[in-house]
Protein backbone atom coordinates (compact mmCIF):
# COMPACT_ATOMS: atom_id res chain seq x y z
CA MET A 1 127.77 37.82 97.85
CA ASP A 2 125.26 37.31 95.03
CA ALA A 3 122.75 39.93 93.86
CA THR A 4 119.78 39.11 96.03
CA ALA A 5 122.08 39.30 99.23
CA VAL A 6 122.59 42.51 98.02
CA LYS A 7 119.52 43.75 97.10
CA THR A 8 117.81 42.67 100.24
CA GLY A 9 120.72 43.22 102.85
CA THR A 10 122.14 46.35 101.49
CA GLU A 11 119.88 48.29 99.86
CA GLY A 12 116.98 47.70 101.20
CA LYS A 13 118.79 49.04 104.92
CA ILE A 14 120.92 51.71 103.25
CA TRP A 15 118.41 54.61 104.51
CA GLY A 16 116.72 52.59 107.02
CA GLY A 17 118.96 53.30 110.02
CA GLY A 18 122.62 51.86 111.24
CA ASP A 19 125.80 52.92 111.43
CA SER A 20 126.87 53.09 107.89
CA GLN A 21 123.74 55.38 107.15
CA PRO A 22 124.73 58.68 105.15
CA LEU A 23 124.83 61.39 107.73
CA LYS A 24 122.61 59.04 110.13
CA ALA A 25 119.85 60.65 108.48
CA SER A 26 116.38 58.84 106.38
CA TYR A 27 115.96 59.06 102.88
CA GLY A 28 113.44 61.46 103.29
CA LYS A 29 115.06 63.99 105.36
CA MET A 30 118.46 63.43 103.04
CA MET A 31 115.98 64.35 100.24
CA MET A 32 114.86 67.67 102.18
CA TRP A 33 118.34 68.58 102.89
CA PHE A 34 119.22 68.65 99.28
CA PHE A 35 115.79 70.37 98.23
CA ILE A 36 116.92 73.23 101.10
CA LEU A 37 120.40 73.54 99.31
CA SER A 38 119.73 73.97 95.61
CA ASP A 39 116.78 76.24 97.08
CA ALA A 40 119.45 78.33 98.96
CA LEU A 41 121.75 78.18 96.00
CA THR A 42 118.37 79.97 94.18
CA PHE A 43 117.77 82.73 96.48
CA SER A 44 121.72 83.82 96.91
CA GLY A 45 121.72 84.48 93.27
CA PHE A 46 118.77 86.94 93.63
CA LEU A 47 120.61 88.34 96.56
CA ALA A 48 123.50 88.91 95.11
CA ALA A 49 122.21 90.37 91.69
CA TYR A 50 120.24 92.76 94.03
CA GLY A 51 123.40 93.42 95.98
CA PHE A 52 124.89 93.83 92.55
CA SER A 53 122.04 96.38 90.96
CA ARG A 54 122.01 98.15 94.13
CA PHE A 55 126.05 99.25 94.20
CA LYS A 56 125.73 99.90 90.40
CA PHE A 57 122.72 102.69 91.65
CA ILE A 58 123.80 103.50 94.93
CA ASN A 59 123.64 106.85 94.33
CA GLN A 60 119.83 107.09 93.65
CA TRP A 61 118.81 104.01 95.54
CA PRO A 62 115.54 104.68 97.85
CA ILE A 63 116.22 104.58 101.21
CA ALA A 64 114.31 102.01 103.20
CA ASP A 65 113.20 104.00 106.21
CA GLU A 66 111.55 106.27 103.85
CA VAL A 67 109.54 103.12 101.77
CA PHE A 68 108.60 100.89 104.27
CA THR A 69 106.64 103.69 107.04
CA HIS A 70 103.32 101.90 106.87
CA PHE A 71 101.76 100.65 110.06
CA PRO A 72 98.14 98.85 109.91
CA PHE A 73 95.29 101.46 111.95
CA LEU A 74 98.04 104.00 112.29
CA HIS A 75 97.22 105.94 108.92
CA GLY A 76 99.72 109.47 108.46
CA VAL A 77 102.08 108.11 111.46
CA ASP A 78 105.49 107.79 110.55
CA ALA A 79 106.78 103.87 111.70
CA PRO A 80 109.85 103.27 109.70
CA MET A 81 110.29 99.36 109.46
CA TYR A 82 108.34 98.88 112.49
CA TYR A 83 105.87 96.49 110.51
CA VAL A 84 108.83 95.20 108.87
CA ALA A 85 110.38 94.23 112.12
CA LEU A 86 107.09 92.86 113.64
CA MET A 87 106.60 90.39 111.06
CA THR A 88 110.24 89.27 111.25
CA PHE A 89 109.07 88.62 114.77
CA ILE A 90 106.44 86.86 114.30
CA LEU A 91 108.18 84.68 111.50
CA ILE A 92 110.80 83.82 113.83
CA PHE A 93 108.51 82.87 116.70
CA SER A 94 106.71 80.68 114.50
CA SER A 95 110.20 79.26 113.84
CA VAL A 96 110.39 78.70 118.02
CA THR A 97 107.21 77.03 118.11
CA MET A 98 108.29 74.17 115.09
CA VAL A 99 111.43 73.59 117.08
CA LEU A 100 108.83 72.87 120.20
CA ALA A 101 106.55 70.74 118.03
CA VAL A 102 109.60 68.57 116.73
CA ASP A 103 110.64 68.20 120.10
CA ALA A 104 107.09 67.18 121.46
CA GLY A 105 107.11 64.77 118.59
CA HIS A 106 110.29 63.10 119.80
CA GLN A 107 108.82 62.32 122.80
CA MET A 108 105.54 60.82 121.23
CA LYS A 109 103.40 63.40 122.92
CA LYS A 110 100.57 64.32 120.66
CA ASN A 111 98.53 67.09 122.20
CA LYS A 112 101.51 69.36 122.41
CA VAL A 113 102.42 68.87 118.88
CA ILE A 114 99.02 69.54 117.67
CA TRP A 115 99.14 73.09 119.69
CA TYR A 116 102.38 74.08 119.06
CA MET A 117 101.75 73.30 114.53
CA PHE A 118 98.62 75.15 115.40
CA PHE A 119 100.63 78.50 116.51
CA THR A 120 103.43 78.01 113.83
CA ILE A 121 100.44 77.89 111.11
CA LEU A 122 98.95 80.78 112.49
CA GLY A 123 102.34 82.46 112.76
CA GLY A 124 102.89 81.93 108.99
CA PHE A 125 99.50 83.02 108.05
CA VAL A 126 100.06 86.28 109.95
CA PHE A 127 103.43 86.84 108.03
CA VAL A 128 101.73 86.20 104.30
CA GLY A 129 98.59 88.24 105.15
CA SER A 130 101.28 90.75 106.31
CA GLN A 131 103.12 91.06 103.48
CA ALA A 132 99.98 91.44 100.86
CA TRP A 133 99.30 94.47 103.23
CA GLU A 134 102.46 95.73 102.54
CA TRP A 135 102.63 95.36 98.81
CA ALA A 136 98.86 96.98 98.79
CA ASN A 137 100.49 99.93 100.46
CA PHE A 138 103.49 99.46 98.15
CA ILE A 139 101.63 99.50 95.19
CA SER A 140 99.84 102.06 95.74
CA GLY A 141 101.96 104.64 97.26
CA GLU A 142 101.65 107.50 99.85
CA TYR A 143 103.21 110.51 98.55
CA GLY A 144 103.42 110.44 94.82
CA ALA A 145 106.34 111.60 92.54
CA ILE A 146 107.54 113.46 89.31
CA GLU A 147 109.44 111.62 86.77
CA THR A 148 111.62 113.22 84.07
CA LYS A 149 112.77 112.88 80.77
CA GLY A 150 115.61 110.48 82.15
CA GLY A 151 113.39 108.00 84.11
CA LYS A 152 114.14 109.95 87.10
CA ILE A 153 112.09 110.34 90.15
CA LEU A 154 111.47 114.04 91.56
CA GLN A 155 109.81 114.06 94.98
CA VAL A 156 108.46 117.19 96.69
CA VAL A 157 109.49 118.60 99.95
CA ASN A 158 108.74 121.32 102.06
CA ALA A 159 111.12 123.90 103.65
CA GLU A 160 112.10 121.55 106.91
CA GLY A 161 112.91 118.71 104.05
CA GLU A 162 109.99 116.82 104.74
CA GLN A 163 108.31 114.81 102.12
CA VAL A 164 104.86 116.51 100.61
CA ALA A 165 102.29 114.20 99.16
CA LEU A 166 101.00 115.80 95.60
CA GLU A 167 97.70 115.75 96.62
CA SER A 168 97.92 118.01 98.84
CA PHE A 169 98.97 121.06 96.81
CA ALA A 170 97.92 120.17 93.06
CA VAL A 171 95.44 122.65 91.98
CA GLU A 172 92.41 121.53 89.84
CA LEU A 173 92.53 122.25 85.59
CA PRO A 174 90.09 121.69 83.11
CA SER A 175 91.00 118.73 81.18
CA ASP A 176 89.50 116.55 79.08
CA ARG A 177 91.76 113.50 79.30
CA THR A 178 90.28 110.06 79.48
CA GLN A 179 91.54 106.50 80.17
CA LEU A 180 92.01 104.68 76.82
CA THR A 181 89.81 101.45 77.24
CA LYS A 182 91.29 98.53 75.02
CA SER A 183 89.20 98.85 72.35
CA GLU A 184 90.48 102.44 71.68
CA ALA A 185 94.00 102.26 72.31
CA LEU A 186 97.40 101.93 70.22
CA TRP A 187 97.88 98.17 69.43
CA TYR A 188 94.45 97.11 71.16
CA GLU A 189 96.10 97.08 74.37
CA SER A 190 94.14 98.70 77.35
CA GLU A 191 96.04 102.21 79.06
CA SER A 192 97.19 101.75 82.52
CA SER A 193 95.67 103.24 85.35
CA MET A 194 95.93 107.46 85.34
CA PRO A 195 97.10 109.13 88.09
CA ASP A 196 94.69 111.62 90.20
CA PHE A 197 96.08 114.34 88.73
CA GLU A 198 98.26 115.59 85.51
CA LEU A 199 101.27 117.51 85.92
CA ALA A 200 100.63 120.55 84.96
CA GLU A 201 98.36 120.82 87.89
CA VAL A 202 101.23 119.54 89.87
CA VAL A 203 103.70 122.54 88.56
CA GLU A 204 100.54 124.85 89.07
CA GLY A 205 100.26 124.37 92.52
CA PHE A 206 103.87 124.24 93.30
CA LYS A 207 104.16 127.36 91.96
CA ALA A 208 101.65 128.94 93.93
CA ASN A 209 103.42 127.24 97.35
CA PRO A 210 106.82 128.91 97.67
CA ASP A 211 107.80 127.09 100.52
CA LEU A 212 108.22 123.83 98.41
CA LEU A 213 111.29 122.12 96.95
CA VAL A 214 112.10 119.59 94.45
CA ARG A 215 114.33 116.81 95.98
CA THR A 216 116.28 114.69 93.87
CA GLN A 217 117.62 110.91 94.16
CA MET A 218 120.96 111.68 94.16
CA LEU A 219 122.82 111.28 97.21
CA ASN A 220 124.83 113.94 98.63
CA GLU A 221 127.90 113.61 101.07
CA ALA A 222 126.08 112.82 103.94
CA GLY A 223 124.30 110.33 102.59
CA GLU A 224 120.86 112.14 101.99
CA LYS A 225 118.89 113.05 98.93
CA THR A 226 119.71 116.50 97.12
CA ILE A 227 117.36 119.02 97.44
CA LEU A 228 117.08 122.01 95.16
CA SER A 229 117.06 125.31 96.03
CA ARG A 230 113.63 126.97 94.61
CA GLU A 231 114.75 128.24 91.29
CA ALA A 232 116.38 125.04 90.23
CA SER A 233 113.19 123.29 91.53
CA LEU A 234 110.92 125.06 89.05
CA ALA A 235 113.69 124.98 86.49
CA LYS A 236 113.69 120.99 86.89
CA LEU A 237 109.96 120.84 86.99
CA GLU A 238 109.58 122.74 83.71
CA ASN A 239 111.96 121.81 81.66
CA ASP A 240 112.46 117.88 82.45
CA ALA A 241 109.60 117.25 84.15
CA ILE A 242 107.04 114.48 81.94
CA GLY A 243 104.69 112.75 84.38
CA VAL A 244 103.07 111.93 87.18
CA VAL A 245 104.13 108.39 89.16
CA GLN A 246 101.61 107.50 92.27
CA GLY A 247 102.83 104.13 93.97
CA ALA A 248 104.79 101.31 92.14
CA ASN A 249 104.60 98.69 89.44
CA LEU A 250 106.94 97.22 87.13
CA VAL A 251 107.78 99.98 84.61
CA HIS A 252 107.13 103.14 87.43
CA ASN A 253 108.28 103.50 90.81
CA GLU A 254 107.79 106.80 92.52
CA TYR A 255 110.41 105.41 95.45
CA GLY A 256 113.02 105.48 92.61
CA PRO A 257 114.41 103.68 89.97
CA PRO A 258 112.07 100.92 88.84
CA LEU A 259 114.53 98.15 89.25
CA PHE A 260 113.78 98.38 93.27
CA ALA A 261 110.64 97.57 92.78
CA ASP A 262 111.49 94.40 90.49
CA PHE A 263 113.29 93.15 93.06
CA PHE A 264 110.98 93.70 95.66
CA PHE A 265 108.38 92.06 93.95
CA PHE A 266 110.39 89.26 92.71
CA ILE A 267 112.29 88.43 96.34
CA THR A 268 109.77 89.12 98.62
CA GLY A 269 106.96 87.10 96.13
CA PHE A 270 109.35 84.57 95.79
CA HIS A 271 109.56 84.37 99.50
CA GLY A 272 106.40 84.61 100.29
CA PHE A 273 105.33 81.84 98.03
CA HIS A 274 107.52 79.72 99.61
CA VAL A 275 105.93 80.82 103.20
CA PHE A 276 102.52 80.29 101.94
CA SER A 277 103.18 76.51 100.68
CA GLY A 278 105.33 75.81 103.83
CA VAL A 279 101.89 76.21 105.52
CA ILE A 280 100.18 74.52 103.36
CA ILE A 281 102.23 71.38 104.13
CA ASN A 282 102.19 72.17 107.38
CA ILE A 283 98.41 72.20 107.38
CA ILE A 284 97.95 68.98 105.92
CA ILE A 285 100.69 67.55 108.85
CA PHE A 286 98.93 68.79 111.42
CA ILE A 287 95.41 67.28 110.58
CA ASN A 288 97.52 63.91 110.25
CA VAL A 289 98.68 64.51 113.65
CA ILE A 290 95.31 65.10 114.72
CA LEU A 291 94.36 61.52 113.12
CA GLY A 292 96.66 59.88 114.84
CA THR A 293 98.47 59.08 111.95
CA TYR A 294 102.07 59.53 113.38
CA GLU A 295 101.08 57.96 116.78
CA ARG A 296 100.20 54.67 115.28
CA ARG A 297 103.61 54.95 112.92
CA GLY A 298 105.44 55.43 116.24
CA SER A 299 107.66 58.04 114.91
CA TYR A 300 106.74 61.81 114.34
CA GLU A 301 109.73 62.62 111.66
CA MET A 302 107.45 64.00 109.26
CA VAL A 303 107.03 66.95 111.56
CA GLU A 304 110.46 67.31 111.69
CA LYS A 305 111.09 67.18 107.95
CA VAL A 306 108.65 70.24 107.34
CA GLY A 307 110.45 71.85 110.22
CA LEU A 308 113.52 71.87 108.56
CA TYR A 309 111.72 73.43 105.41
CA TRP A 310 109.85 76.20 107.70
CA HIS A 311 113.79 76.80 109.97
CA PHE A 312 114.98 77.40 105.98
CA VAL A 313 112.06 80.06 104.65
CA ASP A 314 112.64 81.96 108.12
CA LEU A 315 116.42 82.36 107.51
CA VAL A 316 116.12 83.45 104.29
CA TRP A 317 113.84 85.91 105.52
CA VAL A 318 116.66 86.51 107.85
CA PHE A 319 118.81 87.89 105.03
CA VAL A 320 115.74 89.06 102.57
CA PHE A 321 115.61 91.62 106.12
CA THR A 322 119.05 92.31 105.92
CA PHE A 323 119.24 92.71 102.34
CA PHE A 324 116.48 95.05 101.63
CA TYR A 325 115.61 96.64 104.13
CA LEU A 326 118.51 96.92 106.78
CA VAL A 327 121.66 97.93 104.68
């Protein structure tokens, strides 16, 4: 067989179909599988690093049920993990509608493909918006905490062991503390946002309320955070406390070790970027479906390829949800 025959007879049909086609997949689908495999290894590395770090700090790692307790329009209501579970359901349901869109494409039913892709895109938008709302609550915080010299976090609880917001008992003291601007700060950098109250105001308020106790991040034999006695609580505040922490960022975290916030922002943010990218790609394919592009081609394979990516980001979220929120 000469070179011309090889080029036209073999290379031209390597991805075009037939029994010799690798895994009986088109070139585009095979490349999508390669991308998914490489991305799966990336997420696996992130989750493995998270698992290692959590194991290393297992005695002081935040309890998810005490961190993710917010639910939209239910301010003050303790709803641990409810909204995260709802987000998970919405994303999984969008994966179901994507399956239906692919199936409708195989049957060349354009209108059904349009509707199912519309619901898939809607589910993606709701998920991304929900994740942004969750980030906002995580960053702003709810109760506040006290940071010690060793970088540990102290939370305040009442006699029943329920966490109490610092602002509910902090007293107002005269202060001339002002936030430094870029022109006034050392090294010409602006100071980060200041807490709503100072440590001295929290300590004085704590002393004025004898029912309040300090809870550390260390877990006891029952797997619960250790609550100090009244005397030990006062000693801890007076000798070890250095400042007030509200919310979470990459440096300070009212829920526990800053590493927890670092992983939360990075892993959920990286996954959220994937979902947002998937929504954009779905919108492009959705427009092409409406314009009849794939109807004229006689194949809805593009819908199937973007469906593979969408199922992948859904599956990754199942692992993120399990590792970060449930375990």
